[in-house]
Amino acid sequence: TKYEKIIGINAFSNNSEYRGFNFFIKDWIGLARQLSLKYPKFLFILLNFSTNSIQYNIDQNANLKVFCNNKNIASLVSISQKLDFLITVDTGNLHLCDILQIPTLAFTSSLAAYRFGGGSYGGRFDKLIVKPAWQKEYRKIYEIFTKKAENNLENL
């Protein structure tokens, strides 16, 4: 099957996890499923890495797949170059896709957003910035992020 667009979804970041600036993995999977159903002509790829203690155990459907990177940066670069859009938490792949000018939506803390503005290399960059204690409005923020993802996909 030939897909119109390839969308990467990266839910993992050791730094974001440690600081509490990430959604639950089940919600990232829910977002991927929801988007894959809404956009059947797009291929969605959940990105992961082999040494991560959390591995996706999902039923992959026609347009929702899992890519598990080994410890090789070349394979991360290779898959990233193929993306038409990246939805991610603040992590190294965010910076890589920024350099490659891959349009990106990032979920990030205000401190990380201050340190990294995104779009510095001429690519399209959107973000949802949250402050400490954002979890008090977790559902609302998750819905806002989901809507931002949909809006970005509509405009690809």
C-alpha atoms as a PDB file:
ATOM      1  CA  THR A   1       0.000   0.000   0.000  1.00  0.00           C
ATOM      2  CA  LYS A   2       1.279   3.439  -0.916  1.00  0.00           C
ATOM      3  CA  TYR A   3       0.575   6.060   1.732  1.00  0.00           C
ATOM      4  CA  GLU A   4       0.218   9.778   1.077  1.00  0.00           C
ATOM      5  CA  LYS A   5       2.241  10.757   4.167  1.00  0.00           C
ATOM      6  CA  ILE A   6       4.390   9.072   6.812  1.00  0.00           C
ATOM      7  CA  ILE A   7       3.908  10.332  10.364  1.00  0.00           C
ATOM      8  CA  GLY A   8       6.304   9.499  13.188  1.00  0.00           C
ATOM      9  CA  ILE A   9       5.108   9.477  16.801  1.00  0.00           C
ATOM     10  CA  ASN A  10       7.801   9.507  19.468  1.00  0.00           C
ATOM     11  CA  ALA A  11       6.572   9.076  23.044  1.00  0.00           C
ATOM     12  CA  PHE A  12       9.860   8.409  24.804  1.00  0.00           C
ATOM     13  CA  SER A  13      12.342  10.791  26.379  1.00  0.00           C
ATOM     14  CA  ASN A  14      14.391   9.908  29.430  1.00  0.00           C
ATOM     15  CA  ASN A  15      14.752  13.576  30.356  1.00  0.00           C
ATOM     16  CA  SER A  16      11.043  14.364  29.971  1.00  0.00           C
ATOM     17  CA  GLU A  17      10.079  11.234  31.922  1.00  0.00           C
ATOM     18  CA  TYR A  18      12.400  12.118  34.777  1.00  0.00           C
ATOM     19  CA  ARG A  19      11.032  15.662  34.982  1.00  0.00           C
ATOM     20  CA  GLY A  20       7.378  14.650  34.569  1.00  0.00           C
ATOM     21  CA  PHE A  21       6.761  16.365  31.245  1.00  0.00           C
ATOM     22  CA  ASN A  22       5.183  13.581  29.252  1.00  0.00           C
ATOM     23  CA  PHE A  23       1.841  11.903  28.662  1.00  0.00           C
ATOM     24  CA  PHE A  24       1.216   8.332  29.774  1.00  0.00           C
ATOM     25  CA  ILE A  25       2.292   5.781  27.171  1.00  0.00           C
ATOM     26  CA  LYS A  26      -1.307   4.527  26.906  1.00  0.00           C
ATOM     27  CA  ASP A  27      -2.320   8.028  25.806  1.00  0.00           C
ATOM     28  CA  TRP A  28       0.400   8.201  23.156  1.00  0.00           C
ATOM     29  CA  ILE A  29      -0.850   4.849  21.849  1.00  0.00           C
ATOM     30  CA  GLY A  30      -4.417   6.189  21.989  1.00  0.00           C
ATOM     31  CA  LEU A  31      -3.359   9.255  20.018  1.00  0.00           C
ATOM     32  CA  ALA A  32      -1.661   7.071  17.399  1.00  0.00           C
ATOM     33  CA  ARG A  33      -4.736   4.850  17.074  1.00  0.00           C
ATOM     34  CA  GLN A  34      -7.113   7.806  16.884  1.00  0.00           C
ATOM     35  CA  LEU A  35      -5.042   9.518  14.194  1.00  0.00           C
ATOM     36  CA  SER A  36      -4.560   6.302  12.204  1.00  0.00           C
ATOM     37  CA  LEU A  37      -8.333   5.826  12.094  1.00  0.00           C
ATOM     38  CA  LYS A  38      -9.007   9.449  11.161  1.00  0.00           C
ATOM     39  CA  TYR A  39      -6.321   9.507   8.455  1.00  0.00           C
ATOM     40  CA  PRO A  40      -6.342   6.063   6.780  1.00  0.00           C
ATOM     41  CA  LYS A  41      -4.218   7.306   3.855  1.00  0.00           C
ATOM     42  CA  PHE A  42      -1.343   8.185   6.221  1.00  0.00           C
ATOM     43  CA  LEU A  43       1.103   5.674   7.687  1.00  0.00           C
ATOM     44  CA  PHE A  44       1.710   6.210  11.424  1.00  0.00           C
ATOM     45  CA  ILE A  45       4.895   4.843  12.969  1.00  0.00           C
ATOM     46  CA  LEU A  46       5.380   4.617  16.726  1.00  0.00           C
ATOM     47  CA  LEU A  47       9.101   5.137  17.257  1.00  0.00           C
ATOM     48  CA  ASN A  48      11.001   3.296  19.980  1.00  0.00           C
ATOM     49  CA  PHE A  49      14.504   2.023  20.699  1.00  0.00           C
ATOM     50  CA  SER A  50      15.683  -1.473  21.559  1.00  0.00           C
ATOM     51  CA  THR A  51      17.200  -0.666  24.968  1.00  0.00           C
ATOM     52  CA  ASN A  52      14.049   1.039  26.255  1.00  0.00           C
ATOM     53  CA  SER A  53      12.544  -0.841  29.201  1.00  0.00           C
ATOM     54  CA  ILE A  54       9.071  -0.127  27.763  1.00  0.00           C
ATOM     55  CA  GLN A  55       8.224  -1.780  24.457  1.00  0.00           C
ATOM     56  CA  TYR A  56       4.975  -1.343  22.537  1.00  0.00           C
ATOM     57  CA  ASN A  57       2.686  -4.348  22.685  1.00  0.00           C
ATOM     58  CA  ILE A  58      -0.080  -3.269  20.340  1.00  0.00           C
ATOM     59  CA  ASP A  59      -2.077  -4.749  17.528  1.00  0.00           C
ATOM     60  CA  GLN A  60      -0.548  -3.098  14.507  1.00  0.00           C
ATOM     61  CA  ASN A  61      -3.074  -2.362  11.798  1.00  0.00           C
ATOM     62  CA  ALA A  62      -2.601  -1.497   8.145  1.00  0.00           C
ATOM     63  CA  ASN A  63      -1.519   2.088   8.776  1.00  0.00           C
ATOM     64  CA  LEU A  64      -0.143   1.879  12.345  1.00  0.00           C
ATOM     65  CA  LYS A  65       3.275   0.285  12.784  1.00  0.00           C
ATOM     66  CA  VAL A  66       6.088   0.170  15.344  1.00  0.00           C
ATOM     67  CA  PHE A  67       9.713   0.949  14.495  1.00  0.00           C
ATOM     68  CA  CYS A  68      12.258  -0.141  17.091  1.00  0.00           C
ATOM     69  CA  ASN A  69      15.635   1.458  16.493  1.00  0.00           C
ATOM     70  CA  ASN A  70      18.798  -0.368  17.424  1.00  0.00           C
ATOM     71  CA  LYS A  71      21.688   1.568  18.955  1.00  0.00           C
ATOM     72  CA  ASN A  72      22.678   2.910  15.548  1.00  0.00           C
ATOM     73  CA  ILE A  73      22.144   6.619  14.901  1.00  0.00           C
ATOM     74  CA  ALA A  74      22.208   5.931  11.146  1.00  0.00           C
ATOM     75  CA  SER A  75      18.941   3.974  11.298  1.00  0.00           C
ATOM     76  CA  LEU A  76      17.318   6.801  13.291  1.00  0.00           C
ATOM     77  CA  VAL A  77      18.458   9.299  10.667  1.00  0.00           C
ATOM     78  CA  SER A  78      17.245   6.981   7.894  1.00  0.00           C
ATOM     79  CA  ILE A  79      13.713   6.596   9.300  1.00  0.00           C
ATOM     80  CA  SER A  80      13.540  10.293  10.231  1.00  0.00           C
ATOM     81  CA  GLN A  81      14.383  11.379   6.676  1.00  0.00           C
ATOM     82  CA  LYS A  82      11.350   9.463   5.420  1.00  0.00           C
ATOM     83  CA  LEU A  83       8.899  11.244   7.747  1.00  0.00           C
ATOM     84  CA  ASP A  84       6.523  13.906   6.507  1.00  0.00           C
ATOM     85  CA  PHE A  85       5.663  14.933  10.074  1.00  0.00           C
ATOM     86  CA  LEU A  86       6.828  14.132  13.615  1.00  0.00           C
ATOM     87  CA  ILE A  87       4.671  14.238  16.752  1.00  0.00           C
ATOM     88  CA  THR A  88       6.942  14.009  19.764  1.00  0.00           C
ATOM     89  CA  VAL A  89       7.901  14.731  23.302  1.00  0.00           C
ATOM     90  CA  ASP A  90      11.146  16.715  23.792  1.00  0.00           C
ATOM     91  CA  THR A  91      13.907  14.288  22.768  1.00  0.00           C
ATOM     92  CA  GLY A  92      16.883  13.901  20.467  1.00  0.00           C
ATOM     93  CA  ASN A  93      14.734  12.937  17.507  1.00  0.00           C
ATOM     94  CA  LEU A  94      13.006  16.315  17.808  1.00  0.00           C
ATOM     95  CA  HIS A  95      16.331  18.060  17.187  1.00  0.00           C
ATOM     96  CA  LEU A  96      17.273  15.689  14.375  1.00  0.00           C
ATOM     97  CA  CYS A  97      13.976  16.311  12.559  1.00  0.00           C
ATOM     98  CA  ASP A  98      14.376  20.049  13.100  1.00  0.00           C
ATOM     99  CA  ILE A  99      17.753  19.927  11.337  1.00  0.00           C
ATOM    100  CA  LEU A 100      16.218  17.803   8.549  1.00  0.00           C
ATOM    101  CA  GLN A 101      13.371  20.363   8.257  1.00  0.00           C
ATOM    102  CA  ILE A 102      10.731  17.727   8.979  1.00  0.00           C
ATOM    103  CA  PRO A 103       7.554  19.507  10.175  1.00  0.00           C
ATOM    104  CA  THR A 104       7.141  18.772  13.875  1.00  0.00           C
ATOM    105  CA  LEU A 105       4.720  19.094  16.768  1.00  0.00           C
ATOM    106  CA  ALA A 106       6.422  18.907  20.162  1.00  0.00           C
ATOM    107  CA  PHE A 107       5.049  18.478  23.675  1.00  0.00           C
ATOM    108  CA  THR A 108       7.521  20.335  25.842  1.00  0.00           C
ATOM    109  CA  SER A 109       8.161  22.123  29.107  1.00  0.00           C
ATOM    110  CA  SER A 110       8.561  25.896  29.252  1.00  0.00           C
ATOM    111  CA  LEU A 111      12.245  25.467  30.196  1.00  0.00           C
ATOM    112  CA  ALA A 112      12.944  23.174  27.231  1.00  0.00           C
ATOM    113  CA  ALA A 113      11.037  25.535  24.920  1.00  0.00           C
ATOM    114  CA  TYR A 114      13.160  28.439  26.161  1.00  0.00           C
ATOM    115  CA  ARG A 115      16.354  26.505  25.399  1.00  0.00           C
ATOM    116  CA  PHE A 116      15.156  25.248  22.013  1.00  0.00           C
ATOM    117  CA  GLY A 117      12.815  27.336  19.903  1.00  0.00           C
ATOM    118  CA  GLY A 118      12.522  24.930  16.970  1.00  0.00           C
ATOM    119  CA  GLY A 119      12.280  25.774  13.303  1.00  0.00           C
ATOM    120  CA  SER A 120      15.807  27.225  13.323  1.00  0.00           C
ATOM    121  CA  TYR A 121      16.720  25.499  10.059  1.00  0.00           C
ATOM    122  CA  GLY A 122      13.707  26.722   8.109  1.00  0.00           C
ATOM    123  CA  GLY A 123      11.335  23.859   8.888  1.00  0.00           C
ATOM    124  CA  ARG A 124       7.801  24.087  10.267  1.00  0.00           C
ATOM    125  CA  PHE A 125       7.693  23.725  14.040  1.00  0.00           C
ATOM    126  CA  ASP A 126       4.674  23.755  16.346  1.00  0.00           C
ATOM    127  CA  LYS A 127       4.648  23.103  20.063  1.00  0.00           C
ATOM    128  CA  LEU A 128       2.479  22.815  23.114  1.00  0.00           C
ATOM    129  CA  ILE A 129       4.354  24.287  26.056  1.00  0.00           C
ATOM    130  CA  VAL A 130       3.346  23.252  29.557  1.00  0.00           C
ATOM    131  CA  LYS A 131       4.431  24.607  32.912  1.00  0.00           C
ATOM    132  CA  PRO A 132       5.186  22.684  36.114  1.00  0.00           C
ATOM    133  CA  ALA A 133       2.052  21.127  37.679  1.00  0.00           C
ATOM    134  CA  TRP A 134       0.426  20.845  34.226  1.00  0.00           C
ATOM    135  CA  GLN A 135      -0.844  17.415  35.288  1.00  0.00           C
ATOM    136  CA  LYS A 136      -3.672  19.093  37.238  1.00  0.00           C
ATOM    137  CA  GLU A 137      -5.241  19.701  33.822  1.00  0.00           C
ATOM    138  CA  TYR A 138      -3.915  16.517  32.205  1.00  0.00           C
ATOM    139  CA  ARG A 139      -7.046  15.576  30.205  1.00  0.00           C
ATOM    140  CA  LYS A 140      -7.580  19.125  28.937  1.00  0.00           C
ATOM    141  CA  ILE A 141      -3.934  19.460  27.882  1.00  0.00           C
ATOM    142  CA  TYR A 142      -3.979  16.049  26.204  1.00  0.00           C
ATOM    143  CA  GLU A 143      -7.082  17.089  24.228  1.00  0.00           C
ATOM    144  CA  ILE A 144      -5.419  20.370  23.200  1.00  0.00           C
ATOM    145  CA  PHE A 145      -2.349  18.445  22.005  1.00  0.00           C
ATOM    146  CA  THR A 146      -4.543  15.984  20.098  1.00  0.00           C
ATOM    147  CA  LYS A 147      -6.325  18.877  18.387  1.00  0.00           C
ATOM    148  CA  LYS A 148      -2.997  20.499  17.507  1.00  0.00           C
ATOM    149  CA  ALA A 149      -1.854  17.203  15.980  1.00  0.00           C
ATOM    150  CA  GLU A 150      -5.032  16.969  13.897  1.00  0.00           C
ATOM    151  CA  ASN A 151      -4.739  20.601  12.770  1.00  0.00           C
ATOM    152  CA  ASN A 152      -1.144  20.039  11.683  1.00  0.00           C
ATOM    153  CA  LEU A 153      -2.048  16.859   9.789  1.00  0.00           C
ATOM    154  CA  GLU A 154      -4.892  18.670   8.014  1.00  0.00           C
ATOM    155  CA  ASN A 155      -2.365  21.213   6.737  1.00  0.00           C
ATOM    156  CA  LEU A 156       0.333  18.843   5.477  1.00  0.00           C
END
